[in-house]
PDB file of all heavy atoms in Angstrom:
ATOM      1  N   ALA A   1      -4.931   8.064  -8.656  1.00  0.00           N
ATOM      2  CA  ALA A   1      -4.739   8.783  -7.511  1.00  0.00           C
ATOM      3  C   ALA A   1      -3.156   8.832  -7.339  1.00  0.00           C
ATOM      4  O   ALA A   1      -2.654   8.153  -6.520  1.00  0.00           O
ATOM      5  CB  ALA A   1      -5.387   8.293  -6.295  1.00  0.00           C
ATOM      6  N   GLU A   2      -2.551   9.867  -7.894  1.00  0.00           N
ATOM      7  CA  GLU A   2      -1.144   9.885  -7.945  1.00  0.00           C
ATOM      8  C   GLU A   2      -0.516  10.044  -6.576  1.00  0.00           C
ATOM      9  O   GLU A   2       0.566   9.632  -6.289  1.00  0.00           O
ATOM     10  CB  GLU A   2      -0.812  11.089  -8.787  1.00  0.00           C
ATOM     11  CG  GLU A   2       0.710  10.948  -9.293  1.00  0.00           C
ATOM     12  CD  GLU A   2       1.036  12.016 -10.324  1.00  0.00           C
ATOM     13  OE1 GLU A   2       0.866  11.836 -11.527  1.00  0.00           O
ATOM     14  OE2 GLU A   2       1.426  13.251  -9.897  1.00  0.00           O
ATOM     15  N   ALA A   3      -1.174  10.716  -5.677  1.00  0.00           N
ATOM     16  CA  ALA A   3      -0.771  10.991  -4.366  1.00  0.00           C
ATOM     17  C   ALA A   3      -0.385   9.750  -3.607  1.00  0.00           C
ATOM     18  O   ALA A   3       0.397   9.667  -2.606  1.00  0.00           O
ATOM     19  CB  ALA A   3      -1.615  11.853  -3.521  1.00  0.00           C
ATOM     20  N   LEU A   4      -1.058   8.579  -3.984  1.00  0.00           N
ATOM     21  CA  LEU A   4      -0.785   7.407  -3.264  1.00  0.00           C
ATOM     22  C   LEU A   4       0.541   6.668  -3.596  1.00  0.00           C
ATOM     23  O   LEU A   4       1.040   6.005  -2.745  1.00  0.00           O
ATOM     24  CB  LEU A   4      -1.878   6.347  -3.552  1.00  0.00           C
ATOM     25  CG  LEU A   4      -3.364   6.837  -3.316  1.00  0.00           C
ATOM     26  CD1 LEU A   4      -4.403   5.749  -3.599  1.00  0.00           C
ATOM     27  CD2 LEU A   4      -3.620   7.294  -1.902  1.00  0.00           C
ATOM     28  N   HIS A   5       0.988   7.106  -4.782  1.00  0.00           N
ATOM     29  CA  HIS A   5       2.137   6.215  -5.284  1.00  0.00           C
ATOM     30  C   HIS A   5       3.434   6.993  -5.126  1.00  0.00           C
ATOM     31  O   HIS A   5       4.143   7.297  -6.103  1.00  0.00           O
ATOM     32  CB  HIS A   5       1.946   5.882  -6.730  1.00  0.00           C
ATOM     33  CG  HIS A   5       0.579   5.145  -6.934  1.00  0.00           C
ATOM     34  ND1 HIS A   5       0.449   3.803  -6.793  1.00  0.00           N
ATOM     35  CD2 HIS A   5      -0.507   5.639  -7.443  1.00  0.00           C
ATOM     36  CE1 HIS A   5      -0.839   3.432  -7.046  1.00  0.00           C
ATOM     37  NE2 HIS A   5      -1.443   4.617  -7.366  1.00  0.00           N
ATOM     38  N   VAL A   6       3.826   7.385  -3.879  1.00  0.00           N
ATOM     39  CA  VAL A   6       4.962   8.121  -3.582  1.00  0.00           C
ATOM     40  C   VAL A   6       5.642   7.381  -2.379  1.00  0.00           C
ATOM     41  O   VAL A   6       5.044   6.641  -1.628  1.00  0.00           O
ATOM     42  CB  VAL A   6       4.611   9.534  -3.277  1.00  0.00           C
ATOM     43  CG1 VAL A   6       4.079  10.280  -4.451  1.00  0.00           C
ATOM     44  CG2 VAL A   6       3.694   9.537  -2.038  1.00  0.00           C
ATOM     45  N   ARG A   7       6.996   7.741  -2.250  1.00  0.00           N
ATOM     46  CA  ARG A   7       7.620   7.471  -1.083  1.00  0.00           C
ATOM     47  C   ARG A   7       8.271   8.842  -0.593  1.00  0.00           C
ATOM     48  O   ARG A   7       8.527   9.686  -1.339  1.00  0.00           O
ATOM     49  CB  ARG A   7       8.755   6.407  -1.379  1.00  0.00           C
ATOM     50  CG  ARG A   7       9.776   6.713  -2.405  1.00  0.00           C
ATOM     51  CD  ARG A   7      10.583   5.559  -2.555  1.00  0.00           C
ATOM     52  NE  ARG A   7      11.472   5.778  -3.831  1.00  0.00           N
ATOM     53  CZ  ARG A   7      12.690   6.528  -3.865  1.00  0.00           C
ATOM     54  NH1 ARG A   7      12.987   7.119  -2.761  1.00  0.00           N
ATOM     55  NH2 ARG A   7      13.291   6.715  -4.891  1.00  0.00           N
ATOM     56  N   ARG A   8       8.654   8.833   0.712  1.00  0.00           N
ATOM     57  CA  ARG A   8       9.227  10.022   1.200  1.00  0.00           C
ATOM     58  C   ARG A   8      10.679   9.858   1.255  1.00  0.00           C
ATOM     59  O   ARG A   8      11.245   8.759   1.568  1.00  0.00           O
ATOM     60  CB  ARG A   8       8.727  10.369   2.501  1.00  0.00           C
ATOM     61  CG  ARG A   8       7.141  10.550   2.733  1.00  0.00           C
ATOM     62  CD  ARG A   8       6.721  11.697   2.042  1.00  0.00           C
ATOM     63  NE  ARG A   8       5.240  12.016   2.213  1.00  0.00           N
ATOM     64  CZ  ARG A   8       4.401  11.769   1.226  1.00  0.00           C
ATOM     65  NH1 ARG A   8       4.737  11.168   0.121  1.00  0.00           N
ATOM     66  NH2 ARG A   8       3.189  11.859   1.351  1.00  0.00           N
ATOM     67  N   ASP A   9      11.475  10.975   1.045  1.00  0.00           N
ATOM     68  CA  ASP A   9      12.934  11.055   1.197  1.00  0.00           C
ATOM     69  C   ASP A   9      13.260  12.198   2.268  1.00  0.00           C
ATOM     70  O   ASP A   9      13.037  13.348   1.851  1.00  0.00           O
ATOM     71  CB  ASP A   9      13.523  11.310  -0.254  1.00  0.00           C
ATOM     72  CG  ASP A   9      14.966  11.210  -0.198  1.00  0.00           C
ATOM     73  OD1 ASP A   9      15.572  11.188   0.928  1.00  0.00           O
ATOM     74  OD2 ASP A   9      15.611  11.182  -1.275  1.00  0.00           O
ATOM     75  N   PHE A  10      13.849  11.788   3.193  1.00  0.00           N
ATOM     76  CA  PHE A  10      14.103  12.753   4.397  1.00  0.00           C
ATOM     77  C   PHE A  10      15.674  12.924   4.427  1.00  0.00           C
ATOM     78  O   PHE A  10      16.120  13.468   5.445  1.00  0.00           O
ATOM     79  CB  PHE A  10      13.642  12.226   5.723  1.00  0.00           C
ATOM     80  CG  PHE A  10      12.176  11.979   5.712  1.00  0.00           C
ATOM     81  CD1 PHE A  10      11.574  10.783   5.633  1.00  0.00           C
ATOM     82  CD2 PHE A  10      11.284  13.146   5.933  1.00  0.00           C
ATOM     83  CE1 PHE A  10      10.250  10.571   5.727  1.00  0.00           C
ATOM     84  CE2 PHE A  10       9.943  12.881   5.986  1.00  0.00           C
ATOM     85  CZ  PHE A  10       9.401  11.657   5.878  1.00  0.00           C
ATOM     86  N   SER A  11      16.356  12.606   3.384  1.00  0.00           N
ATOM     87  CA  SER A  11      17.879  12.611   3.416  1.00  0.00           C
ATOM     88  C   SER A  11      18.299  14.014   3.215  1.00  0.00           C
ATOM     89  O   SER A  11      19.501  14.279   3.623  1.00  0.00           O
ATOM     90  CB  SER A  11      18.345  11.662   2.408  1.00  0.00           C
ATOM     91  OG  SER A  11      18.045  11.883   1.087  1.00  0.00           O
ATOM     92  N   GLY A  12      17.591  14.815   2.524  1.00  0.00           N
ATOM     93  CA  GLY A  12      18.172  16.213   2.233  1.00  0.00           C
ATOM     94  C   GLY A  12      17.831  17.237   3.239  1.00  0.00           C
ATOM     95  O   GLY A  12      17.278  16.832   4.276  1.00  0.00           O
ATOM     96  N   GLU A  13      18.109  18.540   2.951  1.00  0.00           N
ATOM     97  CA  GLU A  13      17.748  19.546   3.813  1.00  0.00           C
ATOM     98  C   GLU A  13      16.234  19.660   3.977  1.00  0.00           C
ATOM     99  O   GLU A  13      15.720  20.000   5.156  1.00  0.00           O
ATOM    100  CB  GLU A  13      18.305  20.748   3.225  1.00  0.00           C
ATOM    101  CG  GLU A  13      18.098  22.096   4.168  1.00  0.00           C
ATOM    102  CD  GLU A  13      18.596  23.418   3.524  1.00  0.00           C
ATOM    103  OE1 GLU A  13      19.276  23.326   2.486  1.00  0.00           O
ATOM    104  OE2 GLU A  13      18.451  24.489   4.193  1.00  0.00           O
ATOM    105  N   HIS A  14      15.409  19.351   3.019  1.00  0.00           N
ATOM    106  CA  HIS A  14      14.057  19.414   3.068  1.00  0.00           C
ATOM    107  C   HIS A  14      13.517  18.046   2.600  1.00  0.00           C
ATOM    108  O   HIS A  14      13.924  17.602   1.529  1.00  0.00           O
ATOM    109  CB  HIS A  14      13.419  20.548   2.244  1.00  0.00           C
ATOM    110  CG  HIS A  14      13.945  21.962   2.679  1.00  0.00           C
ATOM    111  ND1 HIS A  14      13.520  22.555   3.910  1.00  0.00           N
ATOM    112  CD2 HIS A  14      14.861  22.755   2.045  1.00  0.00           C
ATOM    113  CE1 HIS A  14      14.129  23.651   3.952  1.00  0.00           C
ATOM    114  NE2 HIS A  14      14.882  23.877   2.818  1.00  0.00           N
ATOM    115  N   PRO A  15      12.347  17.542   3.212  1.00  0.00           N
ATOM    116  CA  PRO A  15      11.902  16.377   2.854  1.00  0.00           C
ATOM    117  C   PRO A  15      11.136  16.448   1.518  1.00  0.00           C
ATOM    118  O   PRO A  15      10.628  17.541   1.171  1.00  0.00           O
ATOM    119  CB  PRO A  15      10.866  15.932   3.887  1.00  0.00           C
ATOM    120  CG  PRO A  15      10.559  17.189   4.501  1.00  0.00           C
ATOM    121  CD  PRO A  15      11.804  18.040   4.437  1.00  0.00           C
ATOM    122  N   VAL A  16      11.316  15.392   0.598  1.00  0.00           N
ATOM    123  CA  VAL A  16      10.601  15.533  -0.688  1.00  0.00           C
ATOM    124  C   VAL A  16       9.783  14.128  -0.798  1.00  0.00           C
ATOM    125  O   VAL A  16       9.884  13.229  -0.084  1.00  0.00           O
ATOM    126  CB  VAL A  16      11.559  15.659  -1.912  1.00  0.00           C
ATOM    127  CG1 VAL A  16      12.220  17.022  -1.725  1.00  0.00           C
ATOM    128  CG2 VAL A  16      12.550  14.507  -1.810  1.00  0.00           C
ATOM    129  N   GLN A  17       8.897  14.144  -1.841  1.00  0.00           N
ATOM    130  CA  GLN A  17       8.191  12.905  -2.272  1.00  0.00           C
ATOM    131  C   GLN A  17       8.562  12.563  -3.669  1.00  0.00           C
ATOM    132  O   GLN A  17       8.629  13.430  -4.514  1.00  0.00           O
ATOM    133  CB  GLN A  17       6.780  13.039  -2.048  1.00  0.00           C
ATOM    134  CG  GLN A  17       6.169  14.337  -2.471  1.00  0.00           C
ATOM    135  CD  GLN A  17       4.727  14.571  -1.933  1.00  0.00           C
ATOM    136  OE1 GLN A  17       4.022  13.655  -1.489  1.00  0.00           O
ATOM    137  NE2 GLN A  17       4.288  15.867  -2.067  1.00  0.00           N
ATOM    138  N   ARG A  18       8.972  11.394  -3.905  1.00  0.00           N
ATOM    139  CA  ARG A  18       9.284  10.700  -5.101  1.00  0.00           C
ATOM    140  C   ARG A  18       8.335   9.663  -5.636  1.00  0.00           C
ATOM    141  O   ARG A  18       7.691   8.953  -4.818  1.00  0.00           O
ATOM    142  CB  ARG A  18      10.734  10.237  -5.035  1.00  0.00           C
ATOM    143  CG  ARG A  18      11.768  11.077  -4.503  1.00  0.00           C
ATOM    144  CD  ARG A  18      13.170  10.471  -4.547  1.00  0.00           C
ATOM    145  NE  ARG A  18      14.100  11.333  -3.891  1.00  0.00           N
ATOM    146  CZ  ARG A  18      14.742  12.438  -4.347  1.00  0.00           C
ATOM    147  NH1 ARG A  18      14.330  12.982  -5.588  1.00  0.00           N
ATOM    148  NH2 ARG A  18      15.567  13.034  -3.667  1.00  0.00           N
ATOM    149  N   PRO A  19       8.224   9.430  -6.854  1.00  0.00           N
ATOM    150  CA  PRO A  19       7.282   8.384  -7.338  1.00  0.00           C
ATOM    151  C   PRO A  19       7.781   6.954  -6.842  1.00  0.00           C
ATOM    152  O   PRO A  19       8.974   6.832  -6.757  1.00  0.00           O
ATOM    153  CB  PRO A  19       7.327   8.600  -8.835  1.00  0.00           C
ATOM    154  CG  PRO A  19       8.718   9.152  -9.094  1.00  0.00           C
ATOM    155  CD  PRO A  19       8.827  10.015  -7.964  1.00  0.00           C
ATOM    156  N   ASP A  20       6.854   6.208  -6.386  1.00  0.00           N
ATOM    157  CA  ASP A  20       7.175   4.821  -6.077  1.00  0.00           C
ATOM    158  C   ASP A  20       6.702   3.915  -7.097  1.00  0.00           C
ATOM    159  O   ASP A  20       5.607   3.727  -7.429  1.00  0.00           O
ATOM    160  CB  ASP A  20       6.297   4.650  -4.654  1.00  0.00           C
ATOM    161  CG  ASP A  20       6.799   3.283  -4.148  1.00  0.00           C
ATOM    162  OD1 ASP A  20       7.459   2.410  -4.761  1.00  0.00           O
ATOM    163  OD2 ASP A  20       6.365   2.952  -2.888  1.00  0.00           O
ATOM    164  N   LEU A  21       7.766   3.331  -7.678  1.00  0.00           N
ATOM    165  CA  LEU A  21       7.539   2.422  -8.875  1.00  0.00           C
ATOM    166  C   LEU A  21       7.341   1.071  -8.520  1.00  0.00           C
ATOM    167  O   LEU A  21       7.513   0.139  -9.440  1.00  0.00           O
ATOM    168  CB  LEU A  21       8.592   2.778  -9.903  1.00  0.00           C
ATOM    169  CG  LEU A  21       8.870   4.149 -10.215  1.00  0.00           C
ATOM    170  CD1 LEU A  21       9.976   4.360 -11.342  1.00  0.00           C
ATOM    171  CD2 LEU A  21       7.506   4.790 -10.814  1.00  0.00           C
ATOM    172  N   ARG A  22       7.191   0.716  -7.373  1.00  0.00           N
ATOM    173  CA  ARG A  22       6.999  -0.710  -6.953  1.00  0.00           C
ATOM    174  C   ARG A  22       5.788  -1.177  -7.494  1.00  0.00           C
ATOM    175  O   ARG A  22       4.629  -0.601  -7.610  1.00  0.00           O
ATOM    176  CB  ARG A  22       7.151  -0.926  -5.493  1.00  0.00           C
ATOM    177  CG  ARG A  22       8.493  -0.849  -4.980  1.00  0.00           C
ATOM    178  CD  ARG A  22       8.506  -0.986  -3.430  1.00  0.00           C
ATOM    179  NE  ARG A  22       8.012   0.420  -2.887  1.00  0.00           N
ATOM    180  CZ  ARG A  22       8.580   0.949  -1.807  1.00  0.00           C
ATOM    181  NH1 ARG A  22       9.488   0.329  -1.183  1.00  0.00           N
ATOM    182  NH2 ARG A  22       8.061   2.091  -1.384  1.00  0.00           N
ATOM    183  N   ASP A  23       5.722  -2.572  -7.805  1.00  0.00           N
ATOM    184  CA  ASP A  23       4.550  -3.257  -8.189  1.00  0.00           C
ATOM    185  C   ASP A  23       3.582  -3.205  -7.049  1.00  0.00           C
ATOM    186  O   ASP A  23       4.076  -3.381  -5.923  1.00  0.00           O
ATOM    187  CB  ASP A  23       4.798  -4.754  -8.631  1.00  0.00           C
ATOM    188  CG  ASP A  23       5.690  -4.685  -9.924  1.00  0.00           C
ATOM    189  OD1 ASP A  23       5.533  -3.833 -10.691  1.00  0.00           O
ATOM    190  OD2 ASP A  23       6.497  -5.592 -10.049  1.00  0.00           O
ATOM    191  N   TRP A  24       2.232  -3.256  -7.414  1.00  0.00           N
ATOM    192  CA  TRP A  24       1.284  -3.309  -6.437  1.00  0.00           C
ATOM    193  C   TRP A  24       0.084  -4.003  -7.017  1.00  0.00           C
ATOM    194  O   TRP A  24      -0.067  -4.251  -8.110  1.00  0.00           O
ATOM    195  CB  TRP A  24       0.883  -1.951  -5.757  1.00  0.00           C
ATOM    196  CG  TRP A  24       0.142  -1.062  -6.861  1.00  0.00           C
ATOM    197  CD1 TRP A  24       0.713  -0.370  -7.833  1.00  0.00           C
ATOM    198  CD2 TRP A  24      -1.280  -0.975  -6.936  1.00  0.00           C
ATOM    199  NE1 TRP A  24      -0.179   0.231  -8.499  1.00  0.00           N
ATOM    200  CE2 TRP A  24      -1.427   0.018  -7.980  1.00  0.00           C
ATOM    201  CE3 TRP A  24      -2.385  -1.353  -6.136  1.00  0.00           C
ATOM    202  CZ2 TRP A  24      -2.830   0.421  -8.432  1.00  0.00           C
ATOM    203  CZ3 TRP A  24      -3.574  -0.858  -6.612  1.00  0.00           C
ATOM    204  CH2 TRP A  24      -3.782  -0.002  -7.666  1.00  0.00           C
ATOM    205  N   ASP A  25      -1.013  -4.478  -6.176  1.00  0.00           N
ATOM    206  CA  ASP A  25      -2.007  -5.226  -6.656  1.00  0.00           C
ATOM    207  C   ASP A  25      -3.110  -4.928  -5.729  1.00  0.00           C
ATOM    208  O   ASP A  25      -3.010  -4.535  -4.493  1.00  0.00           O
ATOM    209  CB  ASP A  25      -1.711  -6.739  -6.703  1.00  0.00           C
ATOM    210  CG  ASP A  25      -2.407  -7.309  -7.834  1.00  0.00           C
ATOM    211  OD1 ASP A  25      -3.483  -6.790  -8.221  1.00  0.00           O
ATOM    212  OD2 ASP A  25      -2.037  -8.442  -8.290  1.00  0.00           O
ATOM    213  N   VAL A  26      -4.240  -5.194  -6.182  1.00  0.00           N
ATOM    214  CA  VAL A  26      -5.569  -5.343  -5.340  1.00  0.00           C
ATOM    215  C   VAL A  26      -5.713  -6.742  -4.826  1.00  0.00           C
ATOM    216  O   VAL A  26      -6.126  -7.645  -5.660  1.00  0.00           O
ATOM    217  CB  VAL A  26      -6.759  -4.858  -6.120  1.00  0.00           C
ATOM    218  CG1 VAL A  26      -8.023  -4.872  -5.312  1.00  0.00           C
ATOM    219  CG2 VAL A  26      -6.661  -3.512  -6.748  1.00  0.00           C
ATOM    220  N   ASP A  27      -5.468  -7.007  -3.538  1.00  0.00           N
ATOM    221  CA  ASP A  27      -5.529  -8.324  -2.905  1.00  0.00           C
ATOM    222  C   ASP A  27      -6.972  -8.768  -2.990  1.00  0.00           C
ATOM    223  O   ASP A  27      -7.807  -8.011  -2.622  1.00  0.00           O
ATOM    224  CB  ASP A  27      -4.796  -8.252  -1.481  1.00  0.00           C
ATOM    225  CG  ASP A  27      -3.362  -7.931  -1.545  1.00  0.00           C
ATOM    226  OD1 ASP A  27      -2.640  -8.442  -2.336  1.00  0.00           O
ATOM    227  OD2 ASP A  27      -3.024  -7.042  -0.673  1.00  0.00           O
ATOM    228  N   VAL A  28      -7.080  -9.992  -3.298  1.00  0.00           N
ATOM    229  CA  VAL A  28      -8.368 -10.830  -3.145  1.00  0.00           C
ATOM    230  C   VAL A  28      -8.196 -11.849  -2.045  1.00  0.00           C
ATOM    231  O   VAL A  28      -7.394 -12.806  -2.495  1.00  0.00           O
ATOM    232  CB  VAL A  28      -8.882 -11.200  -4.464  1.00  0.00           C
ATOM    233  CG1 VAL A  28     -10.263 -11.874  -4.190  1.00  0.00           C
ATOM    234  CG2 VAL A  28      -9.152 -10.080  -5.403  1.00  0.00           C
ATOM    235  N   VAL A  29      -8.900 -11.854  -1.081  1.00  0.00           N
ATOM    236  CA  VAL A  29      -8.608 -12.763  -0.024  1.00  0.00           C
ATOM    237  C   VAL A  29      -9.941 -13.581   0.243  1.00  0.00           C
ATOM    238  O   VAL A  29     -10.879 -12.944   0.703  1.00  0.00           O
ATOM    239  CB  VAL A  29      -8.126 -12.202   1.301  1.00  0.00           C
ATOM    240  CG1 VAL A  29      -7.830 -13.123   2.358  1.00  0.00           C
ATOM    241  CG2 VAL A  29      -6.839 -11.236   1.050  1.00  0.00           C
ATOM    242  N   ASP A  30      -9.988 -14.830  -0.038  1.00  0.00           N
ATOM    243  CA  ASP A  30     -11.069 -15.648   0.209  1.00  0.00           C
ATOM    244  C   ASP A  30     -11.197 -16.167   1.576  1.00  0.00           C
ATOM    245  O   ASP A  30     -10.353 -17.002   1.906  1.00  0.00           O
ATOM    246  CB  ASP A  30     -11.094 -16.765  -0.898  1.00  0.00           C
ATOM    247  CG  ASP A  30     -12.516 -17.603  -0.882  1.00  0.00           C
ATOM    248  OD1 ASP A  30     -13.315 -17.199   0.054  1.00  0.00           O
ATOM    249  OD2 ASP A  30     -12.708 -18.391  -1.765  1.00  0.00           O
ATOM    250  N   LEU A  31     -12.081 -15.619   2.403  1.00  0.00           N
ATOM    251  CA  LEU A  31     -12.356 -16.182   3.756  1.00  0.00           C
ATOM    252  C   LEU A  31     -13.505 -16.980   3.863  1.00  0.00           C
ATOM    253  O   LEU A  31     -13.883 -17.221   5.058  1.00  0.00           O
ATOM    254  CB  LEU A  31     -12.272 -14.966   4.614  1.00  0.00           C
ATOM    255  CG  LEU A  31     -10.962 -14.146   4.684  1.00  0.00           C
ATOM    256  CD1 LEU A  31     -10.993 -12.830   5.492  1.00  0.00           C
ATOM    257  CD2 LEU A  31      -9.755 -14.959   5.254  1.00  0.00           C
ATOM    258  N   SER A  32     -14.177 -17.186   2.776  1.00  0.00           N
ATOM    259  CA  SER A  32     -15.568 -17.781   2.845  1.00  0.00           C
ATOM    260  C   SER A  32     -15.619 -19.191   3.510  1.00  0.00           C
ATOM    261  O   SER A  32     -16.573 -19.632   3.970  1.00  0.00           O
ATOM    262  CB  SER A  32     -16.147 -17.907   1.455  1.00  0.00           C
ATOM    263  OG  SER A  32     -15.350 -18.762   0.686  1.00  0.00           O
ATOM    264  N   GLY A  33     -14.442 -19.846   3.578  1.00  0.00           N
ATOM    265  CA  GLY A  33     -14.370 -21.241   4.211  1.00  0.00           C
ATOM    266  C   GLY A  33     -14.130 -21.067   5.607  1.00  0.00           C
ATOM    267  O   GLY A  33     -13.944 -22.298   6.207  1.00  0.00           O
ATOM    268  N   ASP A  34     -13.933 -20.052   6.132  1.00  0.00           N
ATOM    269  CA  ASP A  34     -13.552 -19.895   7.578  1.00  0.00           C
ATOM    270  C   ASP A  34     -14.805 -19.989   8.376  1.00  0.00           C
ATOM    271  O   ASP A  34     -15.892 -19.821   7.958  1.00  0.00           O
ATOM    272  CB  ASP A  34     -12.819 -18.593   7.946  1.00  0.00           C
ATOM    273  CG  ASP A  34     -12.268 -18.544   9.342  1.00  0.00           C
ATOM    274  OD1 ASP A  34     -12.991 -18.302  10.141  1.00  0.00           O
ATOM    275  OD2 ASP A  34     -11.099 -18.763   9.347  1.00  0.00           O
ATOM    276  N   ASP A  35     -14.678 -20.645   9.678  1.00  0.00           N
ATOM    277  CA  ASP A  35     -15.843 -20.918  10.504  1.00  0.00           C
ATOM    278  C   ASP A  35     -16.532 -19.614  10.815  1.00  0.00           C
ATOM    279  O   ASP A  35     -17.638 -19.608  10.908  1.00  0.00           O
ATOM    280  CB  ASP A  35     -15.356 -21.452  11.806  1.00  0.00           C
ATOM    281  CG  ASP A  35     -14.994 -22.954  11.623  1.00  0.00           C
ATOM    282  OD1 ASP A  35     -15.254 -23.516  10.690  1.00  0.00           O
ATOM    283  OD2 ASP A  35     -14.093 -23.504  12.437  1.00  0.00           O
ATOM    284  N   ASP A  36     -15.747 -18.426  10.931  1.00  0.00           N
ATOM    285  CA  ASP A  36     -16.341 -17.156  11.205  1.00  0.00           C
ATOM    286  C   ASP A  36     -15.553 -16.207  10.267  1.00  0.00           C
ATOM    287  O   ASP A  36     -14.646 -15.543  10.572  1.00  0.00           O
ATOM    288  CB  ASP A  36     -16.094 -16.791  12.600  1.00  0.00           C
ATOM    289  CG  ASP A  36     -16.959 -15.471  13.023  1.00  0.00           C
ATOM    290  OD1 ASP A  36     -17.231 -14.796  12.112  1.00  0.00           O
ATOM    291  OD2 ASP A  36     -17.004 -15.150  14.331  1.00  0.00           O
ATOM    292  N   PRO A  37     -16.251 -16.111   9.078  1.00  0.00           N
ATOM    293  CA  PRO A  37     -15.506 -15.131   8.097  1.00  0.00           C
ATOM    294  C   PRO A  37     -15.305 -13.715   8.500  1.00  0.00           C
ATOM    295  O   PRO A  37     -14.261 -13.082   8.208  1.00  0.00           O
ATOM    296  CB  PRO A  37     -16.369 -15.386   6.831  1.00  0.00           C
ATOM    297  CG  PRO A  37     -17.025 -16.477   6.975  1.00  0.00           C
ATOM    298  CD  PRO A  37     -17.315 -16.685   8.453  1.00  0.00           C
ATOM    299  N   VAL A  38     -16.286 -13.095   9.114  1.00  0.00           N
ATOM    300  CA  VAL A  38     -16.258 -11.774   9.723  1.00  0.00           C
ATOM    301  C   VAL A  38     -15.209 -11.586  10.635  1.00  0.00           C
ATOM    302  O   VAL A  38     -14.239 -10.608  10.491  1.00  0.00           O
ATOM    303  CB  VAL A  38     -17.660 -11.326  10.209  1.00  0.00           C
ATOM    304  CG1 VAL A  38     -17.505  -9.968  10.800  1.00  0.00           C
ATOM    305  CG2 VAL A  38     -18.700 -11.425   9.171  1.00  0.00           C
ATOM    306  N   ALA A  39     -14.954 -12.496  11.694  1.00  0.00           N
ATOM    307  CA  ALA A  39     -14.038 -12.405  12.576  1.00  0.00           C
ATOM    308  C   ALA A  39     -12.578 -12.488  11.984  1.00  0.00           C
ATOM    309  O   ALA A  39     -11.555 -11.880  12.241  1.00  0.00           O
ATOM    310  CB  ALA A  39     -14.165 -13.539  13.619  1.00  0.00           C
ATOM    311  N   ALA A  40     -12.438 -13.454  10.987  1.00  0.00           N
ATOM    312  CA  ALA A  40     -11.223 -13.740  10.153  1.00  0.00           C
ATOM    313  C   ALA A  40     -10.955 -12.414   9.461  1.00  0.00           C
ATOM    314  O   ALA A  40      -9.731 -12.224   9.316  1.00  0.00           O
ATOM    315  CB  ALA A  40     -11.374 -14.921   9.248  1.00  0.00           C
TER     316      ALA A  40
END
């Protein structure tokens, strides 16, 4: 989904979108040990 991997540049006469080359990941967060995992 290429549209997700952009940043906006408003410095020029017209705003543009440029590729965002920062690293990213799918976070996996284990909340199973919490007293109330849903609330957590």
